[in-house]
C-alpha atoms as a PDB file:
ATOM      1  CA  TRP A   1       0.000   0.000   0.000  1.00  0.00           C
ATOM      2  CA  ARG A   2       2.776   2.398   0.977  1.00  0.00           C
ATOM      3  CA  THR A   3       4.720   1.875  -2.261  1.00  0.00           C
ATOM      4  CA  ILE A   4       1.672   2.587  -4.391  1.00  0.00           C
ATOM      5  CA  ASN A   5       0.585   5.491  -2.196  1.00  0.00           C
ATOM      6  CA  GLN A   6       3.975   7.231  -2.155  1.00  0.00           C
ATOM      7  CA  ALA A   7       5.373   6.512  -5.579  1.00  0.00           C
ATOM      8  CA  TYR A   8       2.574   5.797  -8.018  1.00  0.00           C
ATOM      9  CA  TYR A   9      -0.904   6.635  -6.845  1.00  0.00           C
ATOM     10  CA  ASP A  10      -2.618   9.829  -7.966  1.00  0.00           C
ATOM     11  CA  ASN A  11      -5.461  10.729  -5.585  1.00  0.00           C
ATOM     12  CA  GLY A  12      -7.571  11.858  -8.533  1.00  0.00           C
ATOM     13  CA  PHE A  13      -7.141   8.564 -10.386  1.00  0.00           C
ATOM     14  CA  ASN A  14     -10.257   6.453 -10.722  1.00  0.00           C
ATOM     15  CA  HIS A  15     -12.005   8.534  -8.034  1.00  0.00           C
ATOM     16  CA  GLN A  16     -10.942   6.026  -5.396  1.00  0.00           C
ATOM     17  CA  ASN A  17     -10.115   6.636  -1.752  1.00  0.00           C
ATOM     18  CA  TRP A  18      -6.934   4.581  -1.424  1.00  0.00           C
ATOM     19  CA  TRP A  19      -6.808   5.265   2.367  1.00  0.00           C
ATOM     20  CA  LEU A  20     -10.286   3.801   2.778  1.00  0.00           C
ATOM     21  CA  THR A  21      -9.282   0.742   0.754  1.00  0.00           C
ATOM     22  CA  ARG A  22      -6.318   0.238   3.103  1.00  0.00           C
ATOM     23  CA  ASP A  23      -8.442   0.666   6.218  1.00  0.00           C
ATOM     24  CA  ARG A  24     -11.057  -1.824   5.006  1.00  0.00           C
ATOM     25  CA  THR A  25      -8.350  -4.350   4.189  1.00  0.00           C
ATOM     26  CA  LEU A  26      -6.605  -3.989   7.551  1.00  0.00           C
ATOM     27  CA  LYS A  27      -9.884  -4.637   9.394  1.00  0.00           C
ATOM     28  CA  GLN A  28     -10.018  -8.117   7.849  1.00  0.00           C
ATOM     29  CA  GLN A  29      -8.400 -11.144   9.426  1.00  0.00           C
ATOM     30  CA  ILE A  30      -5.149 -11.889   7.588  1.00  0.00           C
ATOM     31  CA  PRO A  31      -3.959 -15.137   9.181  1.00  0.00           C
ATOM     32  CA  ASP A  32      -1.042 -15.974   6.909  1.00  0.00           C
ATOM     33  CA  GLU A  33       1.174 -14.901   4.039  1.00  0.00           C
ATOM     34  CA  GLU A  34      -1.144 -16.326   1.375  1.00  0.00           C
ATOM     35  CA  ALA A  35      -4.081 -14.351   2.776  1.00  0.00           C
ATOM     36  CA  ALA A  36      -1.920 -11.208   2.785  1.00  0.00           C
ATOM     37  CA  TYR A  37      -1.000 -11.702  -0.881  1.00  0.00           C
ATOM     38  CA  THR A  38      -4.663 -12.250  -1.732  1.00  0.00           C
ATOM     39  CA  ALA A  39      -5.699  -9.091   0.149  1.00  0.00           C
ATOM     40  CA  ILE A  40      -3.007  -7.016  -1.584  1.00  0.00           C
ATOM     41  CA  THR A  41      -3.990  -8.390  -4.986  1.00  0.00           C
ATOM     42  CA  LYS A  42      -7.637  -7.470  -4.319  1.00  0.00           C
ATOM     43  CA  MET A  43      -6.644  -3.945  -3.227  1.00  0.00           C
ATOM     44  CA  ILE A  44      -4.614  -3.410  -6.373  1.00  0.00           C
ATOM     45  CA  ALA A  45      -7.421  -4.806  -8.541  1.00  0.00           C
ATOM     46  CA  THR A  46      -9.719  -2.031  -7.303  1.00  0.00           C
ATOM     47  CA  LEU A  47      -7.451   0.495  -9.016  1.00  0.00           C
ATOM     48  CA  ASP A  48      -8.528  -1.013 -12.357  1.00  0.00           C
ATOM     49  CA  GLU A  49      -5.106  -0.110 -13.738  1.00  0.00           C
ATOM     50  CA  PRO A  50      -3.486  -2.759 -15.960  1.00  0.00           C
ATOM     51  CA  PHE A  51       0.146  -1.874 -15.255  1.00  0.00           C
ATOM     52  CA  THR A  52       0.030  -2.037 -11.465  1.00  0.00           C
ATOM     53  CA  ARG A  53       0.226  -5.518 -10.011  1.00  0.00           C
ATOM     54  CA  LEU A  54       1.719  -7.521  -7.172  1.00  0.00           C
ATOM     55  CA  LEU A  55       4.645  -9.774  -7.978  1.00  0.00           C
ATOM     56  CA  ARG A  56       4.964 -12.570  -5.472  1.00  0.00           C
ATOM     57  CA  PRO A  57       8.548 -13.505  -4.546  1.00  0.00           C
ATOM     58  CA  GLU A  58       8.817 -16.308  -7.107  1.00  0.00           C
ATOM     59  CA  GLN A  59       7.435 -14.064  -9.853  1.00  0.00           C
ATOM     60  CA  TYR A  60       9.824 -11.277  -8.870  1.00  0.00           C
ATOM     61  CA  ARG A  61      12.795 -13.678  -8.979  1.00  0.00           C
ATOM     62  CA  SER A  62      11.642 -14.824 -12.416  1.00  0.00           C
ATOM     63  CA  LEU A  63      11.459 -11.209 -13.584  1.00  0.00           C
ATOM     64  CA  GLN A  64      14.974 -10.579 -12.255  1.00  0.00           C
ATOM     65  CA  VAL A  65      16.310 -13.628 -14.116  1.00  0.00           C
ATOM     66  CA  ASN A  66      14.538 -12.599 -17.316  1.00  0.00           C
ATOM     67  CA  THR A  67      15.999  -9.096 -17.224  1.00  0.00           C
ATOM     68  CA  ALA A  68      19.497  -9.941 -15.947  1.00  0.00           C
ATOM     69  CA  GLY A  69      20.889 -10.672 -19.410  1.00  0.00           C
ATOM     70  CA  GLU A  70      22.003 -14.185 -18.545  1.00  0.00           C
ATOM     71  CA  LEU A  71      20.411 -17.378 -17.258  1.00  0.00           C
ATOM     72  CA  SER A  72      20.876 -21.128 -17.294  1.00  0.00           C
ATOM     73  CA  GLY A  73      18.302 -23.115 -19.233  1.00  0.00           C
ATOM     74  CA  VAL A  74      17.357 -24.396 -22.671  1.00  0.00           C
ATOM     75  CA  GLY A  75      17.084 -21.067 -24.476  1.00  0.00           C
ATOM     76  CA  LEU A  76      13.431 -20.670 -25.379  1.00  0.00           C
ATOM     77  CA  GLN A  77      11.262 -17.590 -25.433  1.00  0.00           C
ATOM     78  CA  ILE A  78       7.763 -18.845 -24.700  1.00  0.00           C
ATOM     79  CA  GLY A  79       4.222 -17.549 -24.452  1.00  0.00           C
ATOM     80  CA  VAL A  80       0.691 -18.854 -24.091  1.00  0.00           C
ATOM     81  CA  LYS A  81      -0.921 -19.599 -27.438  1.00  0.00           C
ATOM     82  CA  ALA A  82      -3.888 -17.314 -28.048  1.00  0.00           C
ATOM     83  CA  GLY A  83      -7.210 -18.941 -27.244  1.00  0.00           C
ATOM     84  CA  SER A  84      -5.652 -21.893 -25.419  1.00  0.00           C
ATOM     85  CA  LYS A  85      -3.551 -22.841 -22.416  1.00  0.00           C
ATOM     86  CA  GLN A  86      -0.799 -24.276 -24.609  1.00  0.00           C
ATOM     87  CA  ILE A  87       2.785 -23.150 -24.085  1.00  0.00           C
ATOM     88  CA  GLU A  88       4.006 -21.957 -27.480  1.00  0.00           C
ATOM     89  CA  VAL A  89       7.565 -21.267 -28.574  1.00  0.00           C
ATOM     90  CA  ILE A  90       7.974 -17.650 -29.599  1.00  0.00           C
ATOM     91  CA  ALA A  91      11.588 -18.183 -30.616  1.00  0.00           C
ATOM     92  CA  PRO A  92      14.583 -20.301 -29.706  1.00  0.00           C
ATOM     93  CA  ILE A  93      17.644 -18.262 -28.746  1.00  0.00           C
ATOM     94  CA  ALA A  94      20.399 -18.614 -31.354  1.00  0.00           C
ATOM     95  CA  GLY A  95      23.003 -21.191 -30.354  1.00  0.00           C
ATOM     96  CA  SER A  96      20.946 -22.488 -27.424  1.00  0.00           C
ATOM     97  CA  PRO A  97      20.213 -26.176 -26.705  1.00  0.00           C
ATOM     98  CA  ALA A  98      16.643 -25.625 -27.956  1.00  0.00           C
ATOM     99  CA  ALA A  99      17.851 -24.117 -31.242  1.00  0.00           C
ATOM    100  CA  GLN A 100      20.365 -26.941 -31.698  1.00  0.00           C
ATOM    101  CA  ALA A 101      17.566 -29.481 -31.150  1.00  0.00           C
ATOM    102  CA  GLY A 102      15.551 -27.894 -33.972  1.00  0.00           C
ATOM    103  CA  ILE A 103      12.761 -26.441 -31.845  1.00  0.00           C
ATOM    104  CA  LEU A 104      11.019 -23.803 -33.941  1.00  0.00           C
ATOM    105  CA  PRO A 105       8.768 -20.786 -33.450  1.00  0.00           C
ATOM    106  CA  HIS A 106       5.115 -21.849 -32.985  1.00  0.00           C
ATOM    107  CA  ASP A 107       6.094 -25.318 -31.730  1.00  0.00           C
ATOM    108  CA  ILE A 108       3.996 -26.358 -28.733  1.00  0.00           C
ATOM    109  CA  ILE A 109       5.647 -27.545 -25.534  1.00  0.00           C
ATOM    110  CA  VAL A 110       3.254 -30.323 -24.524  1.00  0.00           C
ATOM    111  CA  GLU A 111       5.126 -31.563 -21.446  1.00  0.00           C
ATOM    112  CA  ILE A 112       8.125 -30.585 -19.341  1.00  0.00           C
ATOM    113  CA  ASP A 113       9.662 -33.521 -17.459  1.00  0.00           C
ATOM    114  CA  ALA A 114       6.426 -35.495 -18.054  1.00  0.00           C
ATOM    115  CA  ILE A 115       4.239 -32.739 -16.561  1.00  0.00           C
ATOM    116  CA  PRO A 116       1.553 -31.523 -18.976  1.00  0.00           C
ATOM    117  CA  THR A 117       2.070 -27.817 -19.626  1.00  0.00           C
ATOM    118  CA  ALA A 118      -1.699 -27.255 -19.678  1.00  0.00           C
ATOM    119  CA  GLU A 119      -1.434 -27.601 -15.876  1.00  0.00           C
ATOM    120  CA  LEU A 120       1.349 -24.976 -15.615  1.00  0.00           C
ATOM    121  CA  THR A 121       1.413 -21.214 -15.668  1.00  0.00           C
ATOM    122  CA  LEU A 122       3.773 -19.536 -18.094  1.00  0.00           C
ATOM    123  CA  ASP A 123       6.109 -18.570 -15.240  1.00  0.00           C
ATOM    124  CA  THR A 124       6.130 -22.109 -13.834  1.00  0.00           C
ATOM    125  CA  ALA A 125       6.906 -23.577 -17.259  1.00  0.00           C
ATOM    126  CA  ALA A 126       9.814 -21.142 -17.667  1.00  0.00           C
ATOM    127  CA  VAL A 127      11.163 -22.014 -14.218  1.00  0.00           C
ATOM    128  CA  LYS A 128      10.974 -25.742 -14.991  1.00  0.00           C
ATOM    129  CA  MET A 129      13.069 -25.259 -18.142  1.00  0.00           C
ATOM    130  CA  ARG A 130      15.688 -23.270 -16.227  1.00  0.00           C
ATOM    131  CA  GLY A 131      18.107 -24.956 -13.906  1.00  0.00           C
ATOM    132  CA  ALA A 132      21.713 -25.617 -13.153  1.00  0.00           C
ATOM    133  CA  THR A 133      24.088 -25.701 -16.107  1.00  0.00           C
ATOM    134  CA  GLY A 134      24.760 -29.304 -17.190  1.00  0.00           C
ATOM    135  CA  THR A 135      21.470 -30.729 -15.925  1.00  0.00           C
ATOM    136  CA  SER A 136      18.896 -32.180 -18.292  1.00  0.00           C
ATOM    137  CA  VAL A 137      15.245 -31.476 -18.928  1.00  0.00           C
ATOM    138  CA  SER A 138      12.831 -33.475 -21.076  1.00  0.00           C
ATOM    139  CA  LEU A 139      10.456 -31.594 -23.361  1.00  0.00           C
ATOM    140  CA  LEU A 140       7.631 -33.125 -25.360  1.00  0.00           C
ATOM    141  CA  VAL A 141       7.458 -30.853 -28.391  1.00  0.00           C
ATOM    142  CA  GLN A 142       4.863 -30.759 -31.152  1.00  0.00           C
ATOM    143  CA  THR A 143       5.511 -29.091 -34.487  1.00  0.00           C
ATOM    144  CA  ALA A 144       2.322 -28.230 -36.436  1.00  0.00           C
ATOM    145  CA  ASP A 145       0.308 -31.395 -37.187  1.00  0.00           C
ATOM    146  CA  GLU A 146       3.176 -33.797 -36.513  1.00  0.00           C
ATOM    147  CA  SER A 147       3.262 -36.258 -33.629  1.00  0.00           C
ATOM    148  CA  PRO A 148       4.890 -34.921 -30.466  1.00  0.00           C
ATOM    149  CA  ARG A 149       8.575 -35.785 -30.090  1.00  0.00           C
ATOM    150  CA  GLU A 150      10.699 -35.946 -26.975  1.00  0.00           C
ATOM    151  CA  GLU A 151      13.739 -33.698 -26.763  1.00  0.00           C
ATOM    152  CA  ILE A 152      16.160 -34.165 -23.893  1.00  0.00           C
ATOM    153  CA  LEU A 153      18.097 -30.955 -23.555  1.00  0.00           C
ATOM    154  CA  ILE A 154      21.123 -30.165 -21.419  1.00  0.00           C
ATOM    155  CA  ARG A 155      20.788 -26.765 -19.789  1.00  0.00           C
ATOM    156  CA  GLN A 156      23.488 -24.268 -20.616  1.00  0.00           C
ATOM    157  CA  LYS A 157      24.316 -20.719 -19.659  1.00  0.00           C
ATOM    158  CA  ILE A 158      22.256 -18.576 -22.022  1.00  0.00           C
ATOM    159  CA  GLU A 159      23.306 -15.036 -22.793  1.00  0.00           C
ATOM    160  CA  LEU A 160      20.418 -12.795 -23.688  1.00  0.00           C
ATOM    161  CA  ASN A 161      21.301 -10.302 -26.386  1.00  0.00           C
ATOM    162  CA  PRO A 162      17.946  -8.751 -27.233  1.00  0.00           C
ATOM    163  CA  VAL A 163      19.379  -6.087 -29.525  1.00  0.00           C
ATOM    164  CA  THR A 164      21.064  -6.898 -32.801  1.00  0.00           C
ATOM    165  CA  ALA A 165      22.238  -4.581 -35.531  1.00  0.00           C
ATOM    166  CA  GLU A 166      23.143  -4.869 -39.169  1.00  0.00           C
ATOM    167  CA  LEU A 167      24.616  -2.312 -41.538  1.00  0.00           C
ATOM    168  CA  HIS A 168      23.261  -2.264 -45.069  1.00  0.00           C
ATOM    169  CA  THR A 169      24.099  -0.062 -47.997  1.00  0.00           C
ATOM    170  CA  GLU A 170      21.211   0.861 -50.244  1.00  0.00           C
ATOM    171  CA  ASN A 171      21.440   3.364 -53.095  1.00  0.00           C
ATOM    172  CA  GLY A 172      24.790   4.486 -51.752  1.00  0.00           C
ATOM    173  CA  ARG A 173      23.347   5.186 -48.293  1.00  0.00           C
ATOM    174  CA  LYS A 174      24.235   3.292 -45.139  1.00  0.00           C
ATOM    175  CA  ILE A 175      21.239   2.038 -43.225  1.00  0.00           C
END
């Protein structure tokens, strides 16, 4: 509450009394950490603001790993396929174990270590594919209408280089 109140919240936003929201929440019984997270999530939801959200510790650690520029895993950028719960490959990272195994954009990760991905959140699936360098992970991968195939990948240190550049000359001009 304090972080939002001091750093982000505009009293005129959404015509909401953020102090009253806090007071109402604090009057409730909050017996454990899970209940506290639920109460905070509900408070933030009342702001009806899509860019303000609570990151639980595991989600925050995942965010830190994703933005650190380096991690240990199989080298896949993944997302949830629109209109389904399927984990879809956005892109393999060049030179990664996933790229070397021939995993392609739009492939579906059906299982990770024999756990159906339909039962996993995107964050949980990403965490399961990460791990100590040199350890293995089994992925059941489906390309288009083909039968799923098992890929056993050895996790490696993956360097994230999200920006690439190329110099082209066109009509005598460098682009």
